[in-house]
Amino acid sequence: LLFGLLGASVSLHLLEGRIVLFGTLIVICGLLSRSIAVMACVRCATDWSMRETGFVIISWCPKATVQAALAGVALDFVKLHQSELSAEQYDKMKESAE
């Protein structure tokens, strides 16, 4: 329910295919880099099996549950304080909160 509500607030008409692809590639590169770094640290510092190392790699993957849950709070804050902000500040804050 929470992610459904957050997803409903995304303006799909503002997303361009190349930007979505670029963002996806950045996330994939970050996850691969993080996985390689975790594997290297675990393999060098412990004598764990590959199965245990795989578990650590998965458990160290970022989980954005809290960030996703609070994203709506930031957007509500910006909308609530719109009159107190300059037009430029409002636009920047709204873009980053959406």
C-alpha atoms as a PDB file:
ATOM      1  CA  LEU A   1       0.000   0.000   0.000  1.00  0.00           C
ATOM      2  CA  LEU A   2       2.752   2.432   0.972  1.00  0.00           C
ATOM      3  CA  PHE A   3       4.739   1.958  -2.235  1.00  0.00           C
ATOM      4  CA  GLY A   4       1.565   2.076  -4.280  1.00  0.00           C
ATOM      5  CA  LEU A   5       0.700   5.480  -2.845  1.00  0.00           C
ATOM      6  CA  LEU A   6       4.222   6.765  -3.369  1.00  0.00           C
ATOM      7  CA  GLY A   7       4.267   5.458  -6.917  1.00  0.00           C
ATOM      8  CA  ALA A   8       0.968   7.198  -7.625  1.00  0.00           C
ATOM      9  CA  SER A   9       2.568  10.555  -6.807  1.00  0.00           C
ATOM     10  CA  VAL A  10       5.245  10.130  -9.506  1.00  0.00           C
ATOM     11  CA  SER A  11       4.630  12.232 -12.600  1.00  0.00           C
ATOM     12  CA  LEU A  12       5.336   9.755 -15.383  1.00  0.00           C
ATOM     13  CA  HIS A  13       5.012  12.384 -18.091  1.00  0.00           C
ATOM     14  CA  LEU A  14       8.149  14.084 -16.706  1.00  0.00           C
ATOM     15  CA  LEU A  15      10.295  10.975 -17.064  1.00  0.00           C
ATOM     16  CA  GLU A  16      12.338  10.598 -20.221  1.00  0.00           C
ATOM     17  CA  GLY A  17      13.393   7.144 -21.347  1.00  0.00           C
ATOM     18  CA  ARG A  18      17.091   7.971 -21.578  1.00  0.00           C
ATOM     19  CA  ILE A  19      17.137   9.439 -18.068  1.00  0.00           C
ATOM     20  CA  VAL A  20      15.363   6.383 -16.635  1.00  0.00           C
ATOM     21  CA  LEU A  21      17.849   4.129 -18.440  1.00  0.00           C
ATOM     22  CA  PHE A  22      20.784   6.184 -17.169  1.00  0.00           C
ATOM     23  CA  GLY A  23      19.445   6.033 -13.612  1.00  0.00           C
ATOM     24  CA  THR A  24      18.940   2.284 -13.891  1.00  0.00           C
ATOM     25  CA  LEU A  25      22.515   1.829 -15.125  1.00  0.00           C
ATOM     26  CA  ILE A  26      23.853   3.905 -12.231  1.00  0.00           C
ATOM     27  CA  VAL A  27      21.941   1.781  -9.722  1.00  0.00           C
ATOM     28  CA  ILE A  28      23.160  -1.460 -11.331  1.00  0.00           C
ATOM     29  CA  CYS A  29      26.779  -0.255 -11.385  1.00  0.00           C
ATOM     30  CA  GLY A  30      26.502   0.806  -7.749  1.00  0.00           C
ATOM     31  CA  LEU A  31      25.041  -2.529  -6.680  1.00  0.00           C
ATOM     32  CA  LEU A  32      27.713  -4.470  -8.587  1.00  0.00           C
ATOM     33  CA  SER A  33      30.515  -2.344  -7.141  1.00  0.00           C
ATOM     34  CA  ARG A  34      29.137  -2.697  -3.637  1.00  0.00           C
ATOM     35  CA  SER A  35      28.737  -6.467  -4.051  1.00  0.00           C
ATOM     36  CA  ILE A  36      32.324  -6.854  -5.279  1.00  0.00           C
ATOM     37  CA  ALA A  37      33.642  -4.733  -2.402  1.00  0.00           C
ATOM     38  CA  VAL A  38      31.660  -6.693   0.199  1.00  0.00           C
ATOM     39  CA  MET A  39      32.799  -9.990  -1.299  1.00  0.00           C
ATOM     40  CA  ALA A  40      36.437  -8.874  -1.283  1.00  0.00           C
ATOM     41  CA  CYS A  41      36.231  -7.728   2.339  1.00  0.00           C
ATOM     42  CA  VAL A  42      34.497 -10.880   3.541  1.00  0.00           C
ATOM     43  CA  ARG A  43      36.789 -13.250   1.621  1.00  0.00           C
ATOM     44  CA  CYS A  44      39.938 -11.473   2.846  1.00  0.00           C
ATOM     45  CA  ALA A  45      38.876 -11.095   6.477  1.00  0.00           C
ATOM     46  CA  THR A  46      37.076 -14.405   7.121  1.00  0.00           C
ATOM     47  CA  ASP A  47      37.142 -18.034   6.151  1.00  0.00           C
ATOM     48  CA  TRP A  48      33.435 -18.139   5.346  1.00  0.00           C
ATOM     49  CA  SER A  49      32.058 -20.291   2.560  1.00  0.00           C
ATOM     50  CA  MET A  50      30.743 -18.830  -0.699  1.00  0.00           C
ATOM     51  CA  ARG A  51      27.200 -19.453   0.531  1.00  0.00           C
ATOM     52  CA  GLU A  52      27.843 -17.358   3.662  1.00  0.00           C
ATOM     53  CA  THR A  53      29.568 -14.707   1.577  1.00  0.00           C
ATOM     54  CA  GLY A  54      26.571 -14.607  -0.765  1.00  0.00           C
ATOM     55  CA  PHE A  55      24.282 -14.099   2.218  1.00  0.00           C
ATOM     56  CA  VAL A  56      26.387 -11.142   3.393  1.00  0.00           C
ATOM     57  CA  ILE A  57      26.347  -9.615  -0.102  1.00  0.00           C
ATOM     58  CA  ILE A  58      22.551  -9.823  -0.232  1.00  0.00           C
ATOM     59  CA  SER A  59      22.112  -8.556   3.321  1.00  0.00           C
ATOM     60  CA  TRP A  60      24.291  -5.517   2.564  1.00  0.00           C
ATOM     61  CA  CYS A  61      22.157  -4.484  -0.417  1.00  0.00           C
ATOM     62  CA  PRO A  62      20.541  -1.136   0.307  1.00  0.00           C
ATOM     63  CA  LYS A  63      16.950  -1.214   1.394  1.00  0.00           C
ATOM     64  CA  ALA A  64      15.174   2.088   0.907  1.00  0.00           C
ATOM     65  CA  THR A  65      12.024   1.314   2.867  1.00  0.00           C
ATOM     66  CA  VAL A  66      12.453   4.181   5.327  1.00  0.00           C
ATOM     67  CA  GLN A  67      13.571   6.633   2.649  1.00  0.00           C
ATOM     68  CA  ALA A  68      10.598   5.729   0.480  1.00  0.00           C
ATOM     69  CA  ALA A  69       8.235   6.045   3.409  1.00  0.00           C
ATOM     70  CA  LEU A  70       9.531   9.521   4.245  1.00  0.00           C
ATOM     71  CA  ALA A  71       9.584  10.833   0.669  1.00  0.00           C
ATOM     72  CA  GLY A  72       5.949  11.840   0.930  1.00  0.00           C
ATOM     73  CA  VAL A  73       6.679  13.782   4.121  1.00  0.00           C
ATOM     74  CA  ALA A  74       9.224  15.967   2.321  1.00  0.00           C
ATOM     75  CA  LEU A  75       6.809  16.652  -0.512  1.00  0.00           C
ATOM     76  CA  ASP A  76       4.009  17.545   1.922  1.00  0.00           C
ATOM     77  CA  PHE A  77       6.379  19.901   3.772  1.00  0.00           C
ATOM     78  CA  VAL A  78       7.279  21.739   0.584  1.00  0.00           C
ATOM     79  CA  LYS A  79       3.635  22.071  -0.447  1.00  0.00           C
ATOM     80  CA  LEU A  80       2.648  23.268   3.025  1.00  0.00           C
ATOM     81  CA  HIS A  81       5.348  25.964   3.141  1.00  0.00           C
ATOM     82  CA  GLN A  82       4.989  27.118  -0.459  1.00  0.00           C
ATOM     83  CA  SER A  83       3.995  30.659   0.542  1.00  0.00           C
ATOM     84  CA  GLU A  84       7.150  31.075   2.669  1.00  0.00           C
ATOM     85  CA  LEU A  85       9.534  30.158  -0.148  1.00  0.00           C
ATOM     86  CA  SER A  86      10.662  32.056  -3.196  1.00  0.00           C
ATOM     87  CA  ALA A  87       9.539  30.643  -6.530  1.00  0.00           C
ATOM     88  CA  GLU A  88      13.057  29.346  -7.253  1.00  0.00           C
ATOM     89  CA  GLN A  89      13.375  27.677  -3.835  1.00  0.00           C
ATOM     90  CA  TYR A  90       9.936  26.126  -4.180  1.00  0.00           C
ATOM     91  CA  ASP A  91      10.685  24.709  -7.629  1.00  0.00           C
ATOM     92  CA  LYS A  92      14.030  23.228  -6.516  1.00  0.00           C
ATOM     93  CA  MET A  93      12.592  21.692  -3.358  1.00  0.00           C
ATOM     94  CA  LYS A  94       9.549  20.324  -5.146  1.00  0.00           C
ATOM     95  CA  GLU A  95      11.667  18.744  -7.876  1.00  0.00           C
ATOM     96  CA  SER A  96      13.942  17.061  -5.357  1.00  0.00           C
ATOM     97  CA  ALA A  97      11.017  15.842  -3.238  1.00  0.00           C
ATOM     98  CA  GLU A  98       9.064  14.342  -6.151  1.00  0.00           C
END
